[in-house]
Structures are given as C-alpha cells and as structure tokens.
Amino acid sequence: MSIKRLMTARFCLGIGAALAFASVLGAQRSGPTPSEEGQGVVYVYFSSLCAAPGDARDCQEVPQTVRPSFESMAACGAHANGVLSQEHNPRLLASCMRVREV
C-alpha cells in the first residue's frame, strides 16, 4: 500500500474532524469547581409562622431584630433544629438562606 492511497480526502477529513473535536474539548476544560461555601458567603436563619402545620403556602416571617448567621449550612441547620425542638409549635417553619456578604 502506498502513502498516496492512504491519504485520501475522506481519511484527511476524518483526521481533521477528530483533531478539531479534541481541541474544542481541550478548550472547554475548566479548573476545579469553586466551593459552595466560598469567600463571603454566609447562611442566615429565618423563621416563619404558617397558617396550617406543615403547609408552607401561607406563612409570615417572624420579625427579628437580629438574624443569626452561620459559616456553613450544617451549622445553620443545627441551629434551626434546636429552635424547632424548643418551640414545640407545629406551625413554625425554619429556613436557612445562603447570602453573600457585602
């Protein structure tokens, strides 16, 4: 088999397409994904009182002078669980919202 016979237009197009595809994949590559709990992110605790137990459709936020904030969702969730277990009110809804500090 000669080189001329191997270097057909179809062969060259196939190799060119494969190289183009590989270069696009290489260009799309990104570094490690940033941590969800990145710089300047805190979790703020909110509590709401709902009209019916277990129904989050009709709730009003409980006014607080200071909202507790936490460095992680786990810490905020632990605080929310503690508050809910102390209150013994089935209409009380606790939530943690992720916010970026300004």
C-alpha atoms as a PDB file:
ATOM      1  CA  MET A   1       0.000   0.000   0.000  1.00  0.00           C
ATOM      2  CA  SER A   2       1.330   3.365  -0.881  1.00  0.00           C
ATOM      3  CA  ILE A   3       1.081   6.584   1.135  1.00  0.00           C
ATOM      4  CA  LYS A   4      -0.874   8.241  -1.677  1.00  0.00           C
ATOM      5  CA  ARG A   5      -3.546   5.614  -1.408  1.00  0.00           C
ATOM      6  CA  LEU A   6      -3.870   6.137   2.391  1.00  0.00           C
ATOM      7  CA  MET A   7      -4.019   9.933   2.138  1.00  0.00           C
ATOM      8  CA  THR A   8      -7.457  10.136   0.569  1.00  0.00           C
ATOM      9  CA  ALA A   9      -9.760  13.086   1.101  1.00  0.00           C
ATOM     10  CA  ARG A  10     -12.072  11.056   3.329  1.00  0.00           C
ATOM     11  CA  PHE A  11      -9.162   9.981   5.558  1.00  0.00           C
ATOM     12  CA  CYS A  12      -7.832  13.540   5.871  1.00  0.00           C
ATOM     13  CA  LEU A  13     -11.276  14.916   6.675  1.00  0.00           C
ATOM     14  CA  GLY A  14     -11.759  12.274   9.368  1.00  0.00           C
ATOM     15  CA  ILE A  15      -8.415  13.084  10.992  1.00  0.00           C
ATOM     16  CA  GLY A  16      -9.129  16.821  10.759  1.00  0.00           C
ATOM     17  CA  ALA A  17     -12.560  16.418  12.368  1.00  0.00           C
ATOM     18  CA  ALA A  18     -11.123  14.323  15.196  1.00  0.00           C
ATOM     19  CA  LEU A  19      -8.415  16.928  15.873  1.00  0.00           C
ATOM     20  CA  ALA A  20     -10.971  19.761  15.822  1.00  0.00           C
ATOM     21  CA  PHE A  21     -13.193  17.879  18.265  1.00  0.00           C
ATOM     22  CA  ALA A  22     -10.259  17.168  20.592  1.00  0.00           C
ATOM     23  CA  SER A  23      -9.173  20.824  20.532  1.00  0.00           C
ATOM     24  CA  VAL A  24     -12.705  22.002  21.391  1.00  0.00           C
ATOM     25  CA  LEU A  25     -12.853  19.580  24.308  1.00  0.00           C
ATOM     26  CA  GLY A  26      -9.460  20.758  25.499  1.00  0.00           C
ATOM     27  CA  ALA A  27     -10.519  24.403  25.309  1.00  0.00           C
ATOM     28  CA  GLN A  28     -13.718  23.732  27.275  1.00  0.00           C
ATOM     29  CA  ARG A  29     -11.842  22.201  30.160  1.00  0.00           C
ATOM     30  CA  SER A  30     -12.122  24.200  33.350  1.00  0.00           C
ATOM     31  CA  GLY A  31     -10.359  24.077  36.673  1.00  0.00           C
ATOM     32  CA  PRO A  32     -11.830  22.742  39.892  1.00  0.00           C
ATOM     33  CA  THR A  33     -15.326  23.919  40.727  1.00  0.00           C
ATOM     34  CA  PRO A  34     -15.427  26.572  43.427  1.00  0.00           C
ATOM     35  CA  SER A  35     -16.633  25.601  46.863  1.00  0.00           C
ATOM     36  CA  GLU A  36     -20.279  26.362  47.583  1.00  0.00           C
ATOM     37  CA  GLU A  37     -19.221  27.760  50.900  1.00  0.00           C
ATOM     38  CA  GLY A  38     -16.840  30.211  49.301  1.00  0.00           C
ATOM     39  CA  GLN A  39     -15.398  33.509  50.387  1.00  0.00           C
ATOM     40  CA  GLY A  40     -18.007  35.991  51.642  1.00  0.00           C
ATOM     41  CA  VAL A  41     -20.912  33.512  51.807  1.00  0.00           C
ATOM     42  CA  VAL A  42     -22.937  33.119  54.997  1.00  0.00           C
ATOM     43  CA  TYR A  43     -26.141  31.321  55.862  1.00  0.00           C
ATOM     44  CA  VAL A  44     -28.837  33.367  57.602  1.00  0.00           C
ATOM     45  CA  TYR A  45     -31.539  31.806  59.766  1.00  0.00           C
ATOM     46  CA  PHE A  46     -35.170  32.838  59.205  1.00  0.00           C
ATOM     47  CA  SER A  47     -38.271  31.634  60.987  1.00  0.00           C
ATOM     48  CA  SER A  48     -41.851  31.894  59.779  1.00  0.00           C
ATOM     49  CA  LEU A  49     -45.246  31.193  61.277  1.00  0.00           C
ATOM     50  CA  CYS A  50     -47.580  29.317  58.925  1.00  0.00           C
ATOM     51  CA  ALA A  51     -51.380  29.266  58.877  1.00  0.00           C
ATOM     52  CA  ALA A  52     -51.517  25.468  58.939  1.00  0.00           C
ATOM     53  CA  PRO A  53     -48.949  22.973  60.274  1.00  0.00           C
ATOM     54  CA  GLY A  54     -46.776  21.547  57.502  1.00  0.00           C
ATOM     55  CA  ASP A  55     -48.204  23.911  54.855  1.00  0.00           C
ATOM     56  CA  ALA A  56     -45.613  26.419  53.613  1.00  0.00           C
ATOM     57  CA  ARG A  57     -48.010  28.203  51.227  1.00  0.00           C
ATOM     58  CA  ASP A  58     -49.353  30.758  53.744  1.00  0.00           C
ATOM     59  CA  CYS A  59     -46.533  31.825  56.059  1.00  0.00           C
ATOM     60  CA  GLN A  60     -45.454  35.128  57.574  1.00  0.00           C
ATOM     61  CA  GLU A  61     -41.874  35.813  58.620  1.00  0.00           C
ATOM     62  CA  VAL A  62     -41.387  36.199  62.350  1.00  0.00           C
ATOM     63  CA  PRO A  63     -39.847  39.648  62.887  1.00  0.00           C
ATOM     64  CA  GLN A  64     -36.400  39.536  64.494  1.00  0.00           C
ATOM     65  CA  THR A  65     -34.143  42.419  65.428  1.00  0.00           C
ATOM     66  CA  VAL A  66     -31.033  40.392  64.640  1.00  0.00           C
ATOM     67  CA  ARG A  67     -30.915  37.387  62.352  1.00  0.00           C
ATOM     68  CA  PRO A  68     -28.353  34.734  63.316  1.00  0.00           C
ATOM     69  CA  SER A  69     -25.789  33.987  60.581  1.00  0.00           C
ATOM     70  CA  PHE A  70     -23.548  30.947  60.239  1.00  0.00           C
ATOM     71  CA  GLU A  71     -20.457  29.968  58.270  1.00  0.00           C
ATOM     72  CA  SER A  72     -21.964  26.714  56.973  1.00  0.00           C
ATOM     73  CA  MET A  73     -25.334  25.264  56.062  1.00  0.00           C
ATOM     74  CA  ALA A  74     -24.794  22.469  58.571  1.00  0.00           C
ATOM     75  CA  ALA A  75     -24.357  24.944  61.441  1.00  0.00           C
ATOM     76  CA  CYS A  76     -27.449  26.887  60.386  1.00  0.00           C
ATOM     77  CA  GLY A  77     -29.450  23.669  60.088  1.00  0.00           C
ATOM     78  CA  ALA A  78     -28.346  22.563  63.562  1.00  0.00           C
ATOM     79  CA  HIS A  79     -29.470  25.915  64.963  1.00  0.00           C
ATOM     80  CA  ALA A  80     -32.835  25.632  63.162  1.00  0.00           C
ATOM     81  CA  ASN A  81     -33.375  22.116  64.529  1.00  0.00           C
ATOM     82  CA  GLY A  82     -32.585  23.341  68.047  1.00  0.00           C
ATOM     83  CA  VAL A  83     -35.051  26.231  67.792  1.00  0.00           C
ATOM     84  CA  LEU A  84     -37.801  24.000  66.399  1.00  0.00           C
ATOM     85  CA  SER A  85     -37.331  21.415  69.142  1.00  0.00           C
ATOM     86  CA  GLN A  86     -37.540  24.124  71.854  1.00  0.00           C
ATOM     87  CA  GLU A  87     -40.630  25.872  70.451  1.00  0.00           C
ATOM     88  CA  HIS A  88     -42.919  22.810  70.106  1.00  0.00           C
ATOM     89  CA  ASN A  89     -45.068  24.738  67.597  1.00  0.00           C
ATOM     90  CA  PRO A  90     -46.034  22.705  64.505  1.00  0.00           C
ATOM     91  CA  ARG A  91     -46.865  25.934  62.607  1.00  0.00           C
ATOM     92  CA  LEU A  92     -43.312  27.262  62.953  1.00  0.00           C
ATOM     93  CA  LEU A  93     -41.118  26.927  59.834  1.00  0.00           C
ATOM     94  CA  ALA A  94     -37.364  27.385  59.980  1.00  0.00           C
ATOM     95  CA  SER A  95     -35.150  28.037  56.979  1.00  0.00           C
ATOM     96  CA  CYS A  96     -31.564  28.938  56.156  1.00  0.00           C
ATOM     97  CA  MET A  97     -30.819  31.242  53.255  1.00  0.00           C
ATOM     98  CA  ARG A  98     -27.459  31.460  51.548  1.00  0.00           C
ATOM     99  CA  VAL A  99     -26.401  35.098  51.150  1.00  0.00           C
ATOM    100  CA  ARG A 100     -23.240  36.848  50.074  1.00  0.00           C
ATOM    101  CA  GLU A 101     -21.822  39.380  52.492  1.00  0.00           C
ATOM    102  CA  VAL A 102     -21.403  42.852  51.096  1.00  0.00           C
END
